[in-house]
C-alpha atoms as a PDB file:
ATOM      1  CA  MET A   1     -84.631-181.026  16.681  1.00  0.00           C
ATOM      2  CA  SER A   2     -81.735-179.479  18.599  1.00  0.00           C
ATOM      3  CA  SER A   3     -82.635-178.340  22.109  1.00  0.00           C
ATOM      4  CA  LYS A   4     -80.458-175.261  21.417  1.00  0.00           C
ATOM      5  CA  ARG A   5     -82.092-174.288  18.124  1.00  0.00           C
ATOM      6  CA  LEU A   6     -83.164-170.837  19.319  1.00  0.00           C
ATOM      7  CA  HIS A   7     -80.378-170.405  21.878  1.00  0.00           C
ATOM      8  CA  ASN A   8     -80.500-166.879  23.363  1.00  0.00           C
ATOM      9  CA  LYS A   9     -83.043-165.669  20.785  1.00  0.00           C
ATOM     10  CA  VAL A  10     -85.826-163.402  22.035  1.00  0.00           C
ATOM     11  CA  ILE A  11     -89.049-163.739  20.060  1.00  0.00           C
ATOM     12  CA  LEU A  12     -92.060-161.465  20.396  1.00  0.00           C
ATOM     13  CA  VAL A  13     -95.265-163.408  19.677  1.00  0.00           C
ATOM     14  CA  PHE A  14     -98.258-161.251  18.792  1.00  0.00           C
ATOM     15  CA  GLY A  15    -101.387-163.275  19.466  1.00  0.00           C
ATOM     16  CA  GLY A  16     -99.415-165.415  21.888  1.00  0.00           C
ATOM     17  CA  LEU A  17    -102.566-166.415  23.783  1.00  0.00           C
ATOM     18  CA  GLY A  18    -104.268-167.878  20.705  1.00  0.00           C
ATOM     19  CA  LEU A  19    -104.667-171.543  19.813  1.00  0.00           C
ATOM     20  CA  LEU A  20    -101.422-171.655  17.859  1.00  0.00           C
ATOM     21  CA  GLY A  21     -99.641-168.927  19.814  1.00  0.00           C
ATOM     22  CA  LYS A  22     -99.722-170.728  23.168  1.00  0.00           C
ATOM     23  CA  THR A  23     -98.327-173.946  21.702  1.00  0.00           C
ATOM     24  CA  LEU A  24     -95.642-172.042  19.864  1.00  0.00           C
ATOM     25  CA  CYS A  25     -94.530-170.148  22.974  1.00  0.00           C
ATOM     26  CA  LYS A  26     -94.082-173.456  24.800  1.00  0.00           C
ATOM     27  CA  ALA A  27     -92.154-174.863  21.830  1.00  0.00           C
ATOM     28  CA  ILE A  28     -89.835-171.848  21.748  1.00  0.00           C
ATOM     29  CA  ARG A  29     -88.931-172.561  25.376  1.00  0.00           C
ATOM     30  CA  THR A  30     -88.102-176.199  24.581  1.00  0.00           C
ATOM     31  CA  VAL A  31     -85.444-175.113  22.070  1.00  0.00           C
ATOM     32  CA  ASN A  32     -83.852-172.609  24.454  1.00  0.00           C
ATOM     33  CA  GLY A  33     -85.488-169.456  23.118  1.00  0.00           C
ATOM     34  CA  THR A  34     -87.286-166.739  25.055  1.00  0.00           C
ATOM     35  CA  PRO A  35     -90.901-166.210  23.971  1.00  0.00           C
ATOM     36  CA  VAL A  36     -92.539-162.929  24.929  1.00  0.00           C
ATOM     37  CA  ILE A  37     -96.321-163.031  24.712  1.00  0.00           C
ATOM     38  CA  ALA A  38     -97.931-159.930  23.219  1.00  0.00           C
ATOM     39  CA  ASP A  39    -101.702-159.884  23.534  1.00  0.00           C
ATOM     40  CA  VAL A  40    -104.557-157.599  24.500  1.00  0.00           C
ATOM     41  CA  SER A  41    -105.687-159.245  27.745  1.00  0.00           C
ATOM     42  CA  HIS A  42    -103.472-159.419  30.807  1.00  0.00           C
ATOM     43  CA  ASP A  43    -106.256-161.260  32.659  1.00  0.00           C
ATOM     44  CA  ALA A  44    -106.336-163.989  30.000  1.00  0.00           C
ATOM     45  CA  TYR A  45    -102.554-164.276  30.322  1.00  0.00           C
ATOM     46  CA  ARG A  46    -102.768-164.724  34.095  1.00  0.00           C
ATOM     47  CA  ASP A  47    -105.549-167.291  33.700  1.00  0.00           C
ATOM     48  CA  TRP A  48    -103.450-169.270  31.226  1.00  0.00           C
ATOM     49  CA  LEU A  49    -100.392-169.298  33.485  1.00  0.00           C
ATOM     50  CA  ALA A  50    -102.495-170.480  36.419  1.00  0.00           C
ATOM     51  CA  LYS A  51    -104.281-173.173  34.403  1.00  0.00           C
ATOM     52  CA  GLU A  52    -101.038-174.539  32.935  1.00  0.00           C
ATOM     53  CA  GLY A  53     -98.922-174.075  36.076  1.00  0.00           C
ATOM     54  CA  LEU A  54     -96.456-171.887  34.193  1.00  0.00           C
ATOM     55  CA  SER A  55     -94.135-169.124  35.355  1.00  0.00           C
ATOM     56  CA  ASP A  56     -94.297-165.512  34.188  1.00  0.00           C
ATOM     57  CA  THR A  57     -90.498-165.626  34.227  1.00  0.00           C
ATOM     58  CA  ASP A  58     -90.458-168.309  31.540  1.00  0.00           C
ATOM     59  CA  PHE A  59     -93.353-166.745  29.629  1.00  0.00           C
ATOM     60  CA  PRO A  60     -93.139-162.955  30.032  1.00  0.00           C
ATOM     61  CA  PHE A  61     -95.967-160.757  28.769  1.00  0.00           C
ATOM     62  CA  VAL A  62     -96.311-157.324  27.190  1.00  0.00           C
ATOM     63  CA  PRO A  63     -99.732-155.790  26.485  1.00  0.00           C
ATOM     64  CA  ALA A  64    -100.185-155.063  22.789  1.00  0.00           C
ATOM     65  CA  ASP A  65    -102.947-154.370  20.300  1.00  0.00           C
ATOM     66  CA  ILE A  66    -101.820-155.049  16.730  1.00  0.00           C
ATOM     67  CA  LEU A  67    -104.323-152.458  15.492  1.00  0.00           C
ATOM     68  CA  GLU A  68    -102.621-149.624  17.368  1.00  0.00           C
ATOM     69  CA  THR A  69     -99.284-148.328  16.079  1.00  0.00           C
ATOM     70  CA  ILE A  70     -98.273-146.831  19.431  1.00  0.00           C
ATOM     71  CA  SER A  71     -99.082-150.095  21.193  1.00  0.00           C
ATOM     72  CA  VAL A  72     -96.954-152.172  18.796  1.00  0.00           C
ATOM     73  CA  ASP A  73     -94.059-149.711  19.000  1.00  0.00           C
ATOM     74  CA  LYS A  74     -94.175-149.803  22.792  1.00  0.00           C
ATOM     75  CA  ALA A  75     -94.166-153.618  22.849  1.00  0.00           C
ATOM     76  CA  LEU A  76     -91.119-153.740  20.579  1.00  0.00           C
ATOM     77  CA  ARG A  77     -89.234-151.187  22.688  1.00  0.00           C
ATOM     78  CA  THR A  78     -90.195-152.838  25.971  1.00  0.00           C
ATOM     79  CA  VAL A  79     -88.873-156.220  24.891  1.00  0.00           C
ATOM     80  CA  HIS A  80     -85.612-154.730  23.631  1.00  0.00           C
ATOM     81  CA  GLU A  81     -85.121-152.701  26.818  1.00  0.00           C
ATOM     82  CA  THR A  82     -85.946-155.680  29.046  1.00  0.00           C
ATOM     83  CA  PHE A  83     -83.818-158.316  27.332  1.00  0.00           C
ATOM     84  CA  GLY A  84     -81.249-156.201  25.532  1.00  0.00           C
ATOM     85  CA  ARG A  85     -82.224-157.692  22.187  1.00  0.00           C
ATOM     86  CA  LEU A  86     -85.108-158.690  19.951  1.00  0.00           C
ATOM     87  CA  ASP A  87     -84.401-161.286  17.291  1.00  0.00           C
ATOM     88  CA  ALA A  88     -87.747-162.101  15.739  1.00  0.00           C
ATOM     89  CA  VAL A  89     -91.396-161.125  15.611  1.00  0.00           C
ATOM     90  CA  LEU A  90     -94.187-163.613  14.991  1.00  0.00           C
ATOM     91  CA  ASN A  91     -97.585-162.464  13.780  1.00  0.00           C
ATOM     92  CA  ALA A  92    -100.205-164.976  15.025  1.00  0.00           C
ATOM     93  CA  ALA A  93    -103.081-162.717  16.107  1.00  0.00           C
ATOM     94  CA  TYR A  94    -106.627-163.216  14.801  1.00  0.00           C
ATOM     95  CA  PRO A  95    -108.712-160.032  15.231  1.00  0.00           C
ATOM     96  CA  ARG A  96    -112.264-159.855  13.811  1.00  0.00           C
ATOM     97  CA  ASN A  97    -115.553-158.124  14.577  1.00  0.00           C
ATOM     98  CA  LYS A  98    -118.727-159.548  16.160  1.00  0.00           C
ATOM     99  CA  ASN A  99    -120.354-160.274  12.777  1.00  0.00           C
ATOM    100  CA  TYR A 100    -117.405-162.246  11.419  1.00  0.00           C
ATOM    101  CA  GLY A 101    -118.159-165.738  10.138  1.00  0.00           C
ATOM    102  CA  VAL A 102    -121.359-165.279   8.139  1.00  0.00           C
ATOM    103  CA  LYS A 103    -121.712-166.700   4.653  1.00  0.00           C
ATOM    104  CA  PHE A 104    -120.725-164.808   1.503  1.00  0.00           C
ATOM    105  CA  LEU A 105    -124.167-163.525   0.459  1.00  0.00           C
ATOM    106  CA  ASP A 106    -124.899-162.286   3.978  1.00  0.00           C
ATOM    107  CA  VAL A 107    -121.709-160.258   4.531  1.00  0.00           C
ATOM    108  CA  SER A 108    -122.330-156.515   4.574  1.00  0.00           C
ATOM    109  CA  LEU A 109    -119.876-154.216   2.847  1.00  0.00           C
ATOM    110  CA  ALA A 110    -119.172-152.513   6.171  1.00  0.00           C
ATOM    111  CA  ASP A 111    -118.314-155.827   7.858  1.00  0.00           C
ATOM    112  CA  PHE A 112    -116.187-156.926   4.898  1.00  0.00           C
ATOM    113  CA  ASN A 113    -114.188-153.715   5.017  1.00  0.00           C
ATOM    114  CA  GLU A 114    -113.806-153.797   8.793  1.00  0.00           C
ATOM    115  CA  ASN A 115    -112.699-157.419   8.997  1.00  0.00           C
ATOM    116  CA  VAL A 116    -110.208-157.113   6.143  1.00  0.00           C
ATOM    117  CA  SER A 117    -108.835-154.045   7.865  1.00  0.00           C
ATOM    118  CA  LEU A 118    -108.547-155.948  11.162  1.00  0.00           C
ATOM    119  CA  LEU A 119    -107.037-159.111   9.693  1.00  0.00           C
ATOM    120  CA  LEU A 120    -104.740-157.572   7.074  1.00  0.00           C
ATOM    121  CA  GLY A 121    -104.271-154.086   8.499  1.00  0.00           C
ATOM    122  CA  GLY A 122    -103.188-155.446  11.866  1.00  0.00           C
ATOM    123  CA  TYR A 123    -100.586-157.670  10.263  1.00  0.00           C
ATOM    124  CA  PHE A 124     -99.366-154.813   8.081  1.00  0.00           C
ATOM    125  CA  ASN A 125     -99.031-152.646  11.183  1.00  0.00           C
ATOM    126  CA  VAL A 126     -96.887-155.222  12.981  1.00  0.00           C
ATOM    127  CA  MET A 127     -94.771-155.883   9.879  1.00  0.00           C
ATOM    128  CA  GLN A 128     -94.149-152.206   9.235  1.00  0.00           C
ATOM    129  CA  ARG A 129     -93.384-151.280  12.838  1.00  0.00           C
ATOM    130  CA  ALA A 130     -91.146-154.325  13.354  1.00  0.00           C
ATOM    131  CA  ALA A 131     -89.255-153.580  10.139  1.00  0.00           C
ATOM    132  CA  LYS A 132     -88.732-149.970  11.220  1.00  0.00           C
ATOM    133  CA  PHE A 133     -87.595-151.118  14.650  1.00  0.00           C
ATOM    134  CA  PHE A 134     -85.062-153.550  13.175  1.00  0.00           C
ATOM    135  CA  LEU A 135     -83.785-150.905  10.744  1.00  0.00           C
ATOM    136  CA  ASP A 136     -83.396-148.326  13.503  1.00  0.00           C
ATOM    137  CA  ASN A 137     -81.425-150.777  15.625  1.00  0.00           C
ATOM    138  CA  GLU A 138     -79.230-151.858  12.680  1.00  0.00           C
ATOM    139  CA  ALA A 139     -79.107-155.438  13.924  1.00  0.00           C
ATOM    140  CA  GLY A 140     -81.206-157.182  11.291  1.00  0.00           C
ATOM    141  CA  GLY A 141     -84.376-159.049  12.157  1.00  0.00           C
ATOM    142  CA  ASN A 142     -86.831-161.770  11.339  1.00  0.00           C
ATOM    143  CA  ILE A 143     -90.606-161.534  10.830  1.00  0.00           C
ATOM    144  CA  VAL A 144     -92.875-164.571  10.427  1.00  0.00           C
ATOM    145  CA  ASN A 145     -96.547-164.172   9.517  1.00  0.00           C
ATOM    146  CA  ILE A 146     -99.249-166.792   9.951  1.00  0.00           C
ATOM    147  CA  SER A 147    -101.308-167.015   6.782  1.00  0.00           C
ATOM    148  CA  SER A 148    -103.543-169.930   5.726  1.00  0.00           C
ATOM    149  CA  ILE A 149    -104.169-172.569   3.083  1.00  0.00           C
ATOM    150  CA  TYR A 150    -107.178-170.458   2.127  1.00  0.00           C
ATOM    151  CA  GLY A 151    -104.737-167.771   1.120  1.00  0.00           C
ATOM    152  CA  VAL A 152    -103.355-170.324  -1.363  1.00  0.00           C
ATOM    153  CA  ILE A 153    -106.476-171.994  -2.791  1.00  0.00           C
ATOM    154  CA  PRO A 154    -110.177-171.096  -2.754  1.00  0.00           C
ATOM    155  CA  PRO A 155    -112.219-172.772  -0.034  1.00  0.00           C
ATOM    156  CA  ARG A 156    -113.500-176.305  -0.513  1.00  0.00           C
ATOM    157  CA  PHE A 157    -117.075-175.341   0.283  1.00  0.00           C
ATOM    158  CA  GLU A 158    -118.307-178.914  -0.027  1.00  0.00           C
ATOM    159  CA  ILE A 159    -116.626-179.915   3.240  1.00  0.00           C
ATOM    160  CA  TYR A 160    -118.926-177.561   5.176  1.00  0.00           C
ATOM    161  CA  LYS A 161    -122.112-179.273   3.935  1.00  0.00           C
ATOM    162  CA  GLY A 162    -124.449-180.120   6.790  1.00  0.00           C
ATOM    163  CA  THR A 163    -122.733-177.742   9.231  1.00  0.00           C
ATOM    164  CA  SER A 164    -123.145-174.086  10.131  1.00  0.00           C
ATOM    165  CA  MET A 165    -119.480-173.494   9.275  1.00  0.00           C
ATOM    166  CA  THR A 166    -117.913-171.619   6.379  1.00  0.00           C
ATOM    167  CA  THR A 167    -114.695-169.867   5.453  1.00  0.00           C
ATOM    168  CA  PRO A 168    -115.404-166.129   5.751  1.00  0.00           C
ATOM    169  CA  VAL A 169    -114.663-164.218   2.567  1.00  0.00           C
ATOM    170  CA  GLU A 170    -112.748-161.626   4.614  1.00  0.00           C
ATOM    171  CA  TYR A 171    -110.417-164.371   5.838  1.00  0.00           C
ATOM    172  CA  ALA A 172    -109.619-165.550   2.312  1.00  0.00           C
ATOM    173  CA  ALA A 173    -109.085-161.978   1.118  1.00  0.00           C
ATOM    174  CA  ALA A 174    -106.807-161.059   4.017  1.00  0.00           C
ATOM    175  CA  LYS A 175    -104.737-164.241   4.117  1.00  0.00           C
ATOM    176  CA  SER A 176    -104.050-164.251   0.368  1.00  0.00           C
ATOM    177  CA  ALA A 177    -103.135-160.568   0.481  1.00  0.00           C
ATOM    178  CA  LEU A 178    -100.916-161.180   3.506  1.00  0.00           C
ATOM    179  CA  GLN A 179     -98.723-163.522   1.489  1.00  0.00           C
ATOM    180  CA  HIS A 180     -98.214-160.928  -1.233  1.00  0.00           C
ATOM    181  CA  VAL A 181     -97.658-158.057   1.202  1.00  0.00           C
ATOM    182  CA  SER A 182     -95.066-160.231   2.950  1.00  0.00           C
ATOM    183  CA  ARG A 183     -93.258-160.795  -0.351  1.00  0.00           C
ATOM    184  CA  TYR A 184     -93.546-157.078  -1.116  1.00  0.00           C
ATOM    185  CA  ALA A 185     -91.989-156.159   2.223  1.00  0.00           C
ATOM    186  CA  ALA A 186     -89.292-158.824   1.940  1.00  0.00           C
ATOM    187  CA  LYS A 187     -88.239-157.428  -1.428  1.00  0.00           C
ATOM    188  CA  TYR A 188     -88.497-153.818  -0.268  1.00  0.00           C
ATOM    189  CA  LEU A 189     -86.180-154.637   2.646  1.00  0.00           C
ATOM    190  CA  LYS A 190     -83.754-156.699   0.567  1.00  0.00           C
ATOM    191  CA  GLY A 191     -80.188-155.920   1.589  1.00  0.00           C
ATOM    192  CA  SER A 192     -81.152-154.838   5.122  1.00  0.00           C
ATOM    193  CA  ASN A 193     -80.614-158.213   6.820  1.00  0.00           C
ATOM    194  CA  ILE A 194     -84.332-158.336   7.601  1.00  0.00           C
ATOM    195  CA  ARG A 195     -86.260-161.322   6.331  1.00  0.00           C
ATOM    196  CA  ILE A 196     -89.995-161.923   6.169  1.00  0.00           C
ATOM    197  CA  ASN A 197     -91.795-165.206   5.571  1.00  0.00           C
ATOM    198  CA  CYS A 198     -95.239-166.758   5.916  1.00  0.00           C
ATOM    199  CA  VAL A 199     -96.468-170.107   7.162  1.00  0.00           C
ATOM    200  CA  SER A 200     -99.833-171.303   5.851  1.00  0.00           C
ATOM    201  CA  PRO A 201    -101.249-174.008   8.117  1.00  0.00           C
ATOM    202  CA  GLY A 202    -104.073-176.308   7.194  1.00  0.00           C
ATOM    203  CA  GLY A 203    -107.091-176.508   9.462  1.00  0.00           C
ATOM    204  CA  LEU A 204    -106.378-176.891  13.173  1.00  0.00           C
ATOM    205  CA  LEU A 205    -108.459-179.096  15.444  1.00  0.00           C
ATOM    206  CA  ASP A 206    -110.718-176.965  17.610  1.00  0.00           C
ATOM    207  CA  ASN A 207    -113.875-178.954  18.459  1.00  0.00           C
ATOM    208  CA  GLN A 208    -115.195-179.022  14.896  1.00  0.00           C
ATOM    209  CA  PRO A 209    -118.126-181.406  14.192  1.00  0.00           C
ATOM    210  CA  ALA A 210    -117.367-184.978  13.104  1.00  0.00           C
ATOM    211  CA  PRO A 211    -118.952-184.698   9.602  1.00  0.00           C
ATOM    212  CA  PHE A 212    -116.704-181.738   8.830  1.00  0.00           C
ATOM    213  CA  LEU A 213    -113.583-183.521  10.112  1.00  0.00           C
ATOM    214  CA  SER A 214    -114.391-186.555   7.975  1.00  0.00           C
ATOM    215  CA  ALA A 215    -115.002-184.499   4.827  1.00  0.00           C
ATOM    216  CA  TYR A 216    -111.857-182.455   5.451  1.00  0.00           C
ATOM    217  CA  GLY A 217    -109.741-185.565   5.957  1.00  0.00           C
ATOM    218  CA  GLU A 218    -110.732-186.987   2.565  1.00  0.00           C
ATOM    219  CA  HIS A 219    -108.582-184.281   0.944  1.00  0.00           C
ATOM    220  CA  CYS A 220    -105.485-185.034   3.051  1.00  0.00           C
ATOM    221  CA  ASN A 221    -102.588-187.459   2.890  1.00  0.00           C
ATOM    222  CA  SER A 222    -102.780-189.287   6.213  1.00  0.00           C
ATOM    223  CA  LYS A 223    -103.910-187.255   9.225  1.00  0.00           C
ATOM    224  CA  GLY A 224    -106.480-184.676   8.180  1.00  0.00           C
ATOM    225  CA  MET A 225    -106.987-181.740  10.516  1.00  0.00           C
ATOM    226  CA  LEU A 226    -103.769-180.846  12.303  1.00  0.00           C
ATOM    227  CA  THR A 227    -102.929-179.879  15.853  1.00  0.00           C
ATOM    228  CA  PRO A 228    -100.812-176.816  16.640  1.00  0.00           C
ATOM    229  CA  ASP A 229     -97.941-179.207  17.459  1.00  0.00           C
ATOM    230  CA  ASP A 230     -97.937-180.301  13.811  1.00  0.00           C
ATOM    231  CA  VAL A 231     -97.247-176.742  12.649  1.00  0.00           C
ATOM    232  CA  VAL A 232     -94.776-175.344  15.166  1.00  0.00           C
ATOM    233  CA  GLY A 233     -91.744-177.194  13.788  1.00  0.00           C
ATOM    234  CA  THR A 234     -91.942-175.253  10.534  1.00  0.00           C
ATOM    235  CA  ILE A 235     -92.371-171.976  12.407  1.00  0.00           C
ATOM    236  CA  LEU A 236     -89.371-172.753  14.632  1.00  0.00           C
ATOM    237  CA  PHE A 237     -87.347-173.428  11.481  1.00  0.00           C
ATOM    238  CA  LEU A 238     -88.195-169.965  10.130  1.00  0.00           C
ATOM    239  CA  LEU A 239     -87.431-168.345  13.483  1.00  0.00           C
ATOM    240  CA  SER A 240     -84.031-170.042  13.659  1.00  0.00           C
ATOM    241  CA  ASP A 241     -80.729-169.534  11.881  1.00  0.00           C
ATOM    242  CA  ASP A 242     -81.414-172.788   9.996  1.00  0.00           C
ATOM    243  CA  SER A 243     -83.465-170.602   7.643  1.00  0.00           C
ATOM    244  CA  ALA A 244     -81.012-167.690   7.526  1.00  0.00           C
ATOM    245  CA  TYR A 245     -81.280-167.422   3.731  1.00  0.00           C
ATOM    246  CA  VAL A 246     -85.026-167.965   3.426  1.00  0.00           C
ATOM    247  CA  THR A 247     -87.025-164.797   2.791  1.00  0.00           C
ATOM    248  CA  GLY A 248     -90.156-163.837   0.886  1.00  0.00           C
ATOM    249  CA  GLN A 249     -91.516-167.378   1.053  1.00  0.00           C
ATOM    250  CA  ASN A 250     -94.793-169.019   2.038  1.00  0.00           C
ATOM    251  CA  ILE A 251     -94.505-172.526   3.482  1.00  0.00           C
ATOM    252  CA  VAL A 252     -97.667-174.644   3.428  1.00  0.00           C
ATOM    253  CA  VAL A 253     -98.187-177.184   6.234  1.00  0.00           C
ATOM    254  CA  ASP A 254    -101.469-178.963   5.470  1.00  0.00           C
ATOM    255  CA  ASP A 255    -101.039-182.754   5.130  1.00  0.00           C
ATOM    256  CA  GLY A 256    -101.618-182.358   1.406  1.00  0.00           C
ATOM    257  CA  PHE A 257    -105.002-180.604   1.637  1.00  0.00           C
ATOM    258  CA  THR A 258    -104.151-178.098  -1.100  1.00  0.00           C
ATOM    259  CA  LEU A 259    -103.006-180.757  -3.589  1.00  0.00           C
END
């Protein structure tokens, strides 16, 4: 991969302090891009910099809540005013309520509605506001959304046997809808020099129990559960000019899990 792949590009990463977001921001720096972390907690940002020994100059921060239109608009403007440009927006946030994660028959209608609104509504808000920002500035733009393999296929419930884990129904609903809304927006904006794509990662290692990891791996080609490093290359491709004519697509990175 060229060390200049994102040369001079400024990329606003919503959810930049998440599991995938932090790895991606570091990767953007390695290919000469400028990642700007957009997240809700400035304290968490400071803690991360201190823990990793990183500089706020290399990893600048803007406070942003993807559920608030004014907050997203302000983040977009701040980045453009600070750097004189904004080339791409990455949607990697993962908002959910305190009851998120219960099994299908135990999900209340109120929690279903709230979590779908958080997961899908937040992404819609960022997509819409970023598209408007790019249109107003007449410079084109690039939006990449993080979806999921469980927006492509239904969950393999058997791999959760013997664990307390599940795939929340709200997650499947939101991530599948996100792919279609992304295609909708990409087509709506056709001819504007704004492109929108999704990446659907497989499961990412995050201290899951061994029985689950073993069952998951039986559906994969060689590795099984992935690390964030396994996914960022595809995201960098979509953020770069190497994918200048790719729009309205969903790229699956899952070591064959969905086959």
